[in-house]
C-alpha cells in the first residue's frame, strides 16, 4: 500500500494596496491541471473580495479576469512576488 501526501500551501501576506496595508490570504488549489491560487482580502467596507490567480506560459502569476477594485490589478506584481517567495521557501 502506497500513500501519497500532498502538501497544502496556504499563507497570509500584508501588502500595501489602495493606499493602505491590507491582508491577503493565499491558498493553492489541488487537483487542477493549471496551477491556481485563490486569494482573498477585504475592501474598505469589510466586504470579502475573492479572486483567482493562475500561472501563465511565462511563469507569471496573473489574475484571472474578474471585475475587481482598481487597487487589486494595480498590485498584481506584488501578489505574484508573494506567491513566488512562498513557493521558494517550501
PDB file of N, CA and C in Angstrom:
ATOM      1  N   UNK A   1       0.850  -1.181   0.000  1.00  0.00           N
ATOM      2  CA  UNK A   1       0.000   0.000   0.000  1.00  0.00           C
ATOM      3  C   UNK A   1       0.895   1.244   0.000  1.00  0.00           C
ATOM      4  N   UNK A   2       0.634   2.126  -0.937  1.00  0.00           N
ATOM      5  CA  UNK A   2       1.422   3.339  -1.051  1.00  0.00           C
ATOM      6  C   UNK A   2       0.542   4.539  -0.739  1.00  0.00           C
ATOM      7  N   UNK A   3       1.060   5.413   0.108  1.00  0.00           N
ATOM      8  CA  UNK A   3       0.326   6.619   0.485  1.00  0.00           C
ATOM      9  C   UNK A   3       1.049   7.820  -0.093  1.00  0.00           C
ATOM     10  N   UNK A   4       0.313   8.651  -0.803  1.00  0.00           N
ATOM     11  CA  UNK A   4       0.872   9.879  -1.356  1.00  0.00           C
ATOM     12  C   UNK A   4       0.397  11.063  -0.528  1.00  0.00           C
ATOM     13  N   UNK A   5       1.329  11.894  -0.126  1.00  0.00           N
ATOM     14  CA  UNK A   5       0.992  13.091   0.620  1.00  0.00           C
ATOM     15  C   UNK A   5       1.179  14.309  -0.270  1.00  0.00           C
ATOM     16  N   UNK A   6       0.222  15.191  -0.231  1.00  0.00           N
ATOM     17  CA  UNK A   6       0.311  16.439  -0.970  1.00  0.00           C
ATOM     18  C   UNK A   6       0.298  17.571   0.044  1.00  0.00           C
ATOM     19  N   UNK A   7       1.319  18.390   0.004  1.00  0.00           N
ATOM     20  CA  UNK A   7       1.419  19.492   0.940  1.00  0.00           C
ATOM     21  C   UNK A   7       0.420  20.585   0.576  1.00  0.00           C
ATOM     22  N   UNK A   8      -0.306  21.058   1.560  1.00  0.00           N
ATOM     23  CA  UNK A   8      -1.243  22.150   1.369  1.00  0.00           C
ATOM     24  C   UNK A   8      -0.468  23.454   1.525  1.00  0.00           C
ATOM     25  N   UNK A   9      -0.602  24.322   0.541  1.00  0.00           N
ATOM     26  CA  UNK A   9       0.082  25.607   0.588  1.00  0.00           C
ATOM     27  C   UNK A   9      -0.951  26.689   0.864  1.00  0.00           C
ATOM     28  N   UNK A  10      -0.812  27.342   1.998  1.00  0.00           N
ATOM     29  CA  UNK A  10      -1.655  28.488   2.317  1.00  0.00           C
ATOM     30  C   UNK A  10      -0.844  29.426   3.192  1.00  0.00           C
ATOM     31  N   UNK A  11      -1.012  30.717   2.962  1.00  0.00           N
ATOM     32  CA  UNK A  11      -0.243  31.710   3.701  1.00  0.00           C
ATOM     33  C   UNK A  11      -0.935  33.067   3.608  1.00  0.00           C
ATOM     34  N   UNK A  12      -0.499  33.978   4.454  1.00  0.00           N
ATOM     35  CA  UNK A  12      -1.047  35.333   4.506  1.00  0.00           C
ATOM     36  C   UNK A  12       0.090  36.326   4.365  1.00  0.00           C
ATOM     37  N   UNK A  13      -0.154  37.395   3.622  1.00  0.00           N
ATOM     38  CA  UNK A  13       0.831  38.466   3.468  1.00  0.00           C
ATOM     39  C   UNK A  13       0.141  39.818   3.641  1.00  0.00           C
ATOM     40  N   UNK A  14       0.854  40.743   4.255  1.00  0.00           N
ATOM     41  CA  UNK A  14       0.394  42.121   4.331  1.00  0.00           C
ATOM     42  C   UNK A  14       1.036  42.875   3.176  1.00  0.00           C
ATOM     43  N   UNK A  15       0.196  43.479   2.336  1.00  0.00           N
ATOM     44  CA  UNK A  15       0.667  44.178   1.142  1.00  0.00           C
ATOM     45  C   UNK A  15      -0.008  45.539   1.109  1.00  0.00           C
ATOM     46  N   UNK A  16       0.787  46.580   0.825  1.00  0.00           N
ATOM     47  CA  UNK A  16       0.205  47.911   0.704  1.00  0.00           C
ATOM     48  C   UNK A  16      -0.479  48.026  -0.650  1.00  0.00           C
ATOM     49  N   UNK A  17      -1.775  48.271  -0.612  1.00  0.00           N
ATOM     50  CA  UNK A  17      -2.587  48.385  -1.831  1.00  0.00           C
ATOM     51  C   UNK A  17      -3.725  49.356  -1.564  1.00  0.00           C
ATOM     52  N   UNK A  18      -4.009  50.184  -2.523  1.00  0.00           N
ATOM     53  CA  UNK A  18      -5.104  51.138  -2.360  1.00  0.00           C
ATOM     54  C   UNK A  18      -4.844  52.148  -1.265  1.00  0.00           C
ATOM     55  N   UNK A  19      -3.578  52.466  -1.036  1.00  0.00           N
ATOM     56  CA  UNK A  19      -3.249  53.484  -0.040  1.00  0.00           C
ATOM     57  C   UNK A  19      -3.205  53.008   1.389  1.00  0.00           C
ATOM     58  N   UNK A  20      -3.357  51.696   1.614  1.00  0.00           N
ATOM     59  CA  UNK A  20      -3.296  51.182   2.979  1.00  0.00           C
ATOM     60  C   UNK A  20      -2.761  49.756   2.996  1.00  0.00           C
ATOM     61  N   UNK A  21      -2.348  49.314   4.157  1.00  0.00           N
ATOM     62  CA  UNK A  21      -1.837  47.957   4.325  1.00  0.00           C
ATOM     63  C   UNK A  21      -3.022  47.001   4.416  1.00  0.00           C
ATOM     64  N   UNK A  22      -3.016  45.977   3.566  1.00  0.00           N
ATOM     65  CA  UNK A  22      -4.138  45.021   3.522  1.00  0.00           C
ATOM     66  C   UNK A  22      -3.622  43.603   3.686  1.00  0.00           C
ATOM     67  N   UNK A  23      -4.455  42.778   4.275  1.00  0.00           N
ATOM     68  CA  UNK A  23      -4.114  41.365   4.464  1.00  0.00           C
ATOM     69  C   UNK A  23      -4.650  40.572   3.282  1.00  0.00           C
ATOM     70  N   UNK A  24      -3.767  39.821   2.629  1.00  0.00           N
ATOM     71  CA  UNK A  24      -4.144  38.948   1.524  1.00  0.00           C
ATOM     72  C   UNK A  24      -3.895  37.512   1.955  1.00  0.00           C
ATOM     73  N   UNK A  25      -4.904  36.669   1.810  1.00  0.00           N
ATOM     74  CA  UNK A  25      -4.809  35.253   2.157  1.00  0.00           C
ATOM     75  C   UNK A  25      -4.741  34.442   0.867  1.00  0.00           C
ATOM     76  N   UNK A  26      -3.725  33.590   0.762  1.00  0.00           N
ATOM     77  CA  UNK A  26      -3.478  32.790  -0.434  1.00  0.00           C
ATOM     78  C   UNK A  26      -3.673  31.316  -0.105  1.00  0.00           C
ATOM     79  N   UNK A  27      -4.266  30.557  -1.043  1.00  0.00           N
ATOM     80  CA  UNK A  27      -4.414  29.113  -0.883  1.00  0.00           C
ATOM     81  C   UNK A  27      -4.281  28.455  -2.247  1.00  0.00           C
ATOM     82  N   UNK A  28      -3.386  27.481  -2.324  1.00  0.00           N
ATOM     83  CA  UNK A  28      -3.171  26.777  -3.586  1.00  0.00           C
ATOM     84  C   UNK A  28      -4.232  25.691  -3.733  1.00  0.00           C
ATOM     85  N   UNK A  29      -4.864  25.661  -4.901  1.00  0.00           N
ATOM     86  CA  UNK A  29      -5.870  24.640  -5.179  1.00  0.00           C
ATOM     87  C   UNK A  29      -5.186  23.390  -5.706  1.00  0.00           C
ATOM     88  N   UNK A  30      -5.630  22.247  -5.238  1.00  0.00           N
ATOM     89  CA  UNK A  30      -5.050  20.969  -5.671  1.00  0.00           C
ATOM     90  C   UNK A  30      -5.963  20.293  -6.675  1.00  0.00           C
ATOM     91  N   UNK A  31      -5.359  19.411  -7.457  1.00  0.00           N
ATOM     92  CA  UNK A  31      -6.137  18.572  -8.354  1.00  0.00           C
ATOM     93  C   UNK A  31      -6.526  19.229  -9.660  1.00  0.00           C
ATOM     94  N   UNK A  32      -5.966  20.390  -9.964  1.00  0.00           N
ATOM     95  CA  UNK A  32      -6.270  21.054 -11.221  1.00  0.00           C
ATOM     96  C   UNK A  32      -5.070  20.957 -12.141  1.00  0.00           C
ATOM     97  N   UNK A  33      -5.318  20.924 -13.450  1.00  0.00           N
ATOM     98  CA  UNK A  33      -4.219  20.912 -14.415  1.00  0.00           C
ATOM     99  C   UNK A  33      -3.398  22.192 -14.305  1.00  0.00           C
ATOM    100  N   UNK A  34      -4.088  23.316 -14.273  1.00  0.00           N
ATOM    101  CA  UNK A  34      -3.452  24.627 -14.204  1.00  0.00           C
ATOM    102  C   UNK A  34      -3.124  24.958 -12.751  1.00  0.00           C
ATOM    103  N   UNK A  35      -1.881  25.426 -12.496  1.00  0.00           N
ATOM    104  CA  UNK A  35      -1.540  25.850 -11.147  1.00  0.00           C
ATOM    105  C   UNK A  35      -2.378  27.074 -10.806  1.00  0.00           C
ATOM    106  N   UNK A  36      -3.111  27.007  -9.689  1.00  0.00           N
ATOM    107  CA  UNK A  36      -4.048  28.057  -9.336  1.00  0.00           C
ATOM    108  C   UNK A  36      -3.983  28.362  -7.844  1.00  0.00           C
ATOM    109  N   UNK A  37      -4.049  29.644  -7.518  1.00  0.00           N
ATOM    110  CA  UNK A  37      -4.194  30.095  -6.146  1.00  0.00           C
ATOM    111  C   UNK A  37      -5.487  30.874  -6.037  1.00  0.00           C
ATOM    112  N   UNK A  38      -6.188  30.702  -4.920  1.00  0.00           N
ATOM    113  CA  UNK A  38      -7.282  31.608  -4.598  1.00  0.00           C
ATOM    114  C   UNK A  38      -6.702  32.640  -3.649  1.00  0.00           C
ATOM    115  N   UNK A  39      -7.154  33.861  -3.788  1.00  0.00           N
ATOM    116  CA  UNK A  39      -6.682  34.964  -2.955  1.00  0.00           C
ATOM    117  C   UNK A  39      -7.913  35.685  -2.437  1.00  0.00           C
ATOM    118  N   UNK A  40      -7.897  36.015  -1.148  1.00  0.00           N
ATOM    119  CA  UNK A  40      -8.997  36.815  -0.626  1.00  0.00           C
ATOM    120  C   UNK A  40      -8.464  37.932   0.242  1.00  0.00           C
ATOM    121  N   UNK A  41      -9.219  39.019   0.239  1.00  0.00           N
ATOM    122  CA  UNK A  41      -8.898  40.199   1.024  1.00  0.00           C
ATOM    123  C   UNK A  41     -10.214  40.918   1.299  1.00  0.00           C
ATOM    124  N   UNK A  42     -10.159  42.044   1.976  1.00  0.00           N
ATOM    125  CA  UNK A  42     -11.377  42.818   2.237  1.00  0.00           C
ATOM    126  C   UNK A  42     -11.214  44.226   1.691  1.00  0.00           C
ATOM    127  N   UNK A  43     -12.349  44.830   1.332  1.00  0.00           N
ATOM    128  CA  UNK A  43     -12.312  46.214   0.874  1.00  0.00           C
ATOM    129  C   UNK A  43     -12.464  47.147   2.072  1.00  0.00           C
ATOM    130  N   UNK A  44     -12.617  48.438   1.813  1.00  0.00           N
ATOM    131  CA  UNK A  44     -12.696  49.431   2.894  1.00  0.00           C
ATOM    132  C   UNK A  44     -13.941  49.279   3.757  1.00  0.00           C
ATOM    133  N   UNK A  45     -14.963  48.643   3.227  1.00  0.00           N
ATOM    134  CA  UNK A  45     -16.209  48.447   3.982  1.00  0.00           C
ATOM    135  C   UNK A  45     -16.261  47.098   4.699  1.00  0.00           C
ATOM    136  N   UNK A  46     -15.210  46.299   4.540  1.00  0.00           N
ATOM    137  CA  UNK A  46     -15.179  44.993   5.188  1.00  0.00           C
ATOM    138  C   UNK A  46     -15.769  43.869   4.364  1.00  0.00           C
ATOM    139  N   UNK A  47     -16.117  44.150   3.109  1.00  0.00           N
ATOM    140  CA  UNK A  47     -16.646  43.109   2.219  1.00  0.00           C
ATOM    141  C   UNK A  47     -15.505  42.242   1.712  1.00  0.00           C
ATOM    142  N   UNK A  48     -15.705  40.936   1.745  1.00  0.00           N
ATOM    143  CA  UNK A  48     -14.679  39.993   1.301  1.00  0.00           C
ATOM    144  C   UNK A  48     -14.604  39.988  -0.223  1.00  0.00           C
ATOM    145  N   UNK A  49     -13.388  40.061  -0.747  1.00  0.00           N
ATOM    146  CA  UNK A  49     -13.135  40.012  -2.188  1.00  0.00           C
ATOM    147  C   UNK A  49     -12.358  38.739  -2.472  1.00  0.00           C
ATOM    148  N   UNK A  50     -12.886  37.908  -3.367  1.00  0.00           N
ATOM    149  CA  UNK A  50     -12.232  36.660  -3.757  1.00  0.00           C
ATOM    150  C   UNK A  50     -11.774  36.765  -5.199  1.00  0.00           C
ATOM    151  N   UNK A  51     -10.549  36.282  -5.460  1.00  0.00           N
ATOM    152  CA  UNK A  51     -10.055  36.265  -6.823  1.00  0.00           C
ATOM    153  C   UNK A  51      -9.192  35.035  -7.029  1.00  0.00           C
ATOM    154  N   UNK A  52      -8.923  34.730  -8.293  1.00  0.00           N
ATOM    155  CA  UNK A  52      -8.081  33.583  -8.655  1.00  0.00           C
ATOM    156  C   UNK A  52      -6.872  34.069  -9.425  1.00  0.00           C
ATOM    157  N   UNK A  53      -5.733  33.435  -9.151  1.00  0.00           N
ATOM    158  CA  UNK A  53      -4.518  33.730  -9.897  1.00  0.00           C
ATOM    159  C   UNK A  53      -4.005  32.428 -10.489  1.00  0.00           C
ATOM    160  N   UNK A  54      -3.641  32.472 -11.766  1.00  0.00           N
ATOM    161  CA  UNK A  54      -3.121  31.293 -12.453  1.00  0.00           C
ATOM    162  C   UNK A  54      -1.763  31.608 -13.044  1.00  0.00           C
ATOM    163  N   UNK A  55      -0.951  30.571 -13.176  1.00  0.00           N
ATOM    164  CA  UNK A  55       0.382  30.716 -13.762  1.00  0.00           C
ATOM    165  C   UNK A  55       0.257  30.598 -15.275  1.00  0.00           C
ATOM    166  N   UNK A  56       0.825  31.575 -15.989  1.00  0.00           N
ATOM    167  CA  UNK A  56       0.749  31.542 -17.449  1.00  0.00           C
ATOM    168  C   UNK A  56       2.005  30.895 -18.036  1.00  0.00           C
ATOM    169  N   UNK A  57       2.119  30.890 -19.338  1.00  0.00           N
ATOM    170  CA  UNK A  57       3.241  30.263 -20.024  1.00  0.00           C
ATOM    171  C   UNK A  57       4.586  30.913 -19.738  1.00  0.00           C
ATOM    172  N   UNK A  58       4.580  32.158 -19.275  1.00  0.00           N
ATOM    173  CA  UNK A  58       5.814  32.879 -18.953  1.00  0.00           C
ATOM    174  C   UNK A  58       6.183  32.753 -17.481  1.00  0.00           C
ATOM    175  N   UNK A  59       5.568  31.790 -16.775  1.00  0.00           N
ATOM    176  CA  UNK A  59       5.784  31.594 -15.336  1.00  0.00           C
ATOM    177  C   UNK A  59       5.450  32.831 -14.525  1.00  0.00           C
ATOM    178  N   UNK A  60       4.426  33.549 -14.932  1.00  0.00           N
ATOM    179  CA  UNK A  60       3.962  34.724 -14.198  1.00  0.00           C
ATOM    180  C   UNK A  60       2.568  34.440 -13.646  1.00  0.00           C
ATOM    181  N   UNK A  61       2.385  34.741 -12.387  1.00  0.00           N
ATOM    182  CA  UNK A  61       1.075  34.574 -11.768  1.00  0.00           C
ATOM    183  C   UNK A  61       0.221  35.782 -12.116  1.00  0.00           C
ATOM    184  N   UNK A  62      -0.892  35.541 -12.796  1.00  0.00           N
ATOM    185  CA  UNK A  62      -1.767  36.628 -13.215  1.00  0.00           C
ATOM    186  C   UNK A  62      -3.179  36.424 -12.697  1.00  0.00           C
ATOM    187  N   UNK A  63      -3.866  37.524 -12.524  1.00  0.00           N
ATOM    188  CA  UNK A  63      -5.250  37.485 -12.053  1.00  0.00           C
ATOM    189  C   UNK A  63      -6.143  37.024 -13.195  1.00  0.00           C
ATOM    190  N   UNK A  64      -6.992  36.044 -12.913  1.00  0.00           N
ATOM    191  CA  UNK A  64      -7.992  35.613 -13.886  1.00  0.00           C
ATOM    192  C   UNK A  64      -9.021  36.723 -13.957  1.00  0.00           C
ATOM    193  N   UNK A  65      -9.353  37.149 -15.176  1.00  0.00           N
ATOM    194  CA  UNK A  65     -10.185  38.334 -15.372  1.00  0.00           C
ATOM    195  C   UNK A  65     -11.488  38.281 -14.595  1.00  0.00           C
ATOM    196  N   UNK A  66     -11.644  39.257 -13.761  1.00  0.00           N
ATOM    197  CA  UNK A  66     -12.847  39.450 -12.968  1.00  0.00           C
ATOM    198  C   UNK A  66     -13.035  40.949 -12.798  1.00  0.00           C
ATOM    199  N   UNK A  67     -14.206  41.349 -12.351  1.00  0.00           N
ATOM    200  CA  UNK A  67     -14.420  42.755 -12.021  1.00  0.00           C
ATOM    201  C   UNK A  67     -13.942  42.939 -10.586  1.00  0.00           C
ATOM    202  N   UNK A  68     -12.876  43.722 -10.439  1.00  0.00           N
ATOM    203  CA  UNK A  68     -12.251  43.926  -9.138  1.00  0.00           C
ATOM    204  C   UNK A  68     -12.014  45.406  -8.911  1.00  0.00           C
ATOM    205  N   UNK A  69     -11.894  45.811  -7.644  1.00  0.00           N
ATOM    206  CA  UNK A  69     -11.499  47.196  -7.385  1.00  0.00           C
ATOM    207  C   UNK A  69     -10.145  47.471  -8.039  1.00  0.00           C
ATOM    208  N   UNK A  70      -9.951  48.679  -8.507  1.00  0.00           N
ATOM    209  CA  UNK A  70      -8.758  49.049  -9.265  1.00  0.00           C
ATOM    210  C   UNK A  70      -7.456  48.758  -8.515  1.00  0.00           C
ATOM    211  N   UNK A  71      -7.452  48.868  -7.202  1.00  0.00           N
ATOM    212  CA  UNK A  71      -6.218  48.702  -6.432  1.00  0.00           C
ATOM    213  C   UNK A  71      -5.713  47.261  -6.420  1.00  0.00           C
ATOM    214  N   UNK A  72      -6.529  46.301  -6.785  1.00  0.00           N
ATOM    215  CA  UNK A  72      -6.045  44.906  -6.834  1.00  0.00           C
ATOM    216  C   UNK A  72      -5.227  44.650  -8.105  1.00  0.00           C
ATOM    217  N   UNK A  73      -5.769  44.885  -9.314  1.00  0.00           N
ATOM    218  CA  UNK A  73      -4.949  44.656 -10.512  1.00  0.00           C
ATOM    219  C   UNK A  73      -3.693  45.533 -10.559  1.00  0.00           C
ATOM    220  N   UNK A  74      -3.754  46.726  -9.958  1.00  0.00           N
ATOM    221  CA  UNK A  74      -2.581  47.604  -9.921  1.00  0.00           C
ATOM    222  C   UNK A  74      -1.432  46.967  -9.140  1.00  0.00           C
ATOM    223  N   UNK A  75      -1.742  46.038  -8.244  1.00  0.00           N
ATOM    224  CA  UNK A  75      -0.732  45.402  -7.398  1.00  0.00           C
ATOM    225  C   UNK A  75      -0.535  43.924  -7.740  1.00  0.00           C
ATOM    226  N   UNK A  76      -0.865  43.545  -8.965  1.00  0.00           N
ATOM    227  CA  UNK A  76      -0.719  42.153  -9.393  1.00  0.00           C
ATOM    228  C   UNK A  76       0.729  41.670  -9.257  1.00  0.00           C
ATOM    229  N   UNK A  77       1.691  42.540  -9.549  1.00  0.00           N
ATOM    230  CA  UNK A  77       3.101  42.147  -9.425  1.00  0.00           C
ATOM    231  C   UNK A  77       3.477  41.824  -7.984  1.00  0.00           C
ATOM    232  N   UNK A  78       2.929  42.563  -7.028  1.00  0.00           N
ATOM    233  CA  UNK A  78       3.205  42.281  -5.616  1.00  0.00           C
ATOM    234  C   UNK A  78       2.601  40.935  -5.209  1.00  0.00           C
ATOM    235  N   UNK A  79       1.426  40.626  -5.726  1.00  0.00           N
ATOM    236  CA  UNK A  79       0.796  39.338  -5.424  1.00  0.00           C
ATOM    237  C   UNK A  79       1.615  38.208  -6.040  1.00  0.00           C
ATOM    238  N   UNK A  80       2.105  38.421  -7.277  1.00  0.00           N
ATOM    239  CA  UNK A  80       2.974  37.440  -7.941  1.00  0.00           C
ATOM    240  C   UNK A  80       4.223  37.187  -7.095  1.00  0.00           C
ATOM    241  N   UNK A  81       4.854  38.246  -6.617  1.00  0.00           N
ATOM    242  CA  UNK A  81       6.064  38.111  -5.801  1.00  0.00           C
ATOM    243  C   UNK A  81       5.787  37.355  -4.511  1.00  0.00           C
ATOM    244  N   UNK A  82       4.650  37.615  -3.887  1.00  0.00           N
ATOM    245  CA  UNK A  82       4.298  36.920  -2.642  1.00  0.00           C
ATOM    246  C   UNK A  82       4.166  35.418  -2.873  1.00  0.00           C
ATOM    247  N   UNK A  83       3.519  35.028  -3.966  1.00  0.00           N
ATOM    248  CA  UNK A  83       3.356  33.604  -4.279  1.00  0.00           C
ATOM    249  C   UNK A  83       4.715  32.967  -4.554  1.00  0.00           C
ATOM    250  N   UNK A  84       5.529  33.600  -5.378  1.00  0.00           N
ATOM    251  CA  UNK A  84       6.840  33.042  -5.712  1.00  0.00           C
ATOM    252  C   UNK A  84       7.731  32.924  -4.479  1.00  0.00           C
ATOM    253  N   UNK A  85       7.723  33.931  -3.608  1.00  0.00           N
ATOM    254  CA  UNK A  85       8.515  33.866  -2.368  1.00  0.00           C
ATOM    255  C   UNK A  85       8.104  32.676  -1.519  1.00  0.00           C
ATOM    256  N   UNK A  86       6.811  32.472  -1.372  1.00  0.00           N
ATOM    257  CA  UNK A  86       6.325  31.365  -0.537  1.00  0.00           C
ATOM    258  C   UNK A  86       6.671  30.022  -1.156  1.00  0.00           C
ATOM    259  N   UNK A  87       6.525  29.882  -2.458  1.00  0.00           N
ATOM    260  CA  UNK A  87       6.829  28.618  -3.109  1.00  0.00           C
ATOM    261  C   UNK A  87       8.320  28.291  -3.035  1.00  0.00           C
ATOM    262  N   UNK A  88       9.175  29.307  -3.087  1.00  0.00           N
ATOM    263  CA  UNK A  88      10.610  29.061  -2.978  1.00  0.00           C
ATOM    264  C   UNK A  88      11.047  28.739  -1.551  1.00  0.00           C
ATOM    265  N   UNK A  89      10.303  29.211  -0.574  1.00  0.00           N
ATOM    266  CA  UNK A  89      10.607  28.884   0.829  1.00  0.00           C
ATOM    267  C   UNK A  89      10.329  27.416   1.116  1.00  0.00           C
ATOM    268  N   UNK A  90       9.317  26.888   0.456  1.00  0.00           N
ATOM    269  CA  UNK A  90       8.933  25.494   0.713  1.00  0.00           C
ATOM    270  C   UNK A  90       9.525  24.636  -0.349  1.00  0.00           C
TER     271      UNK A  90
END
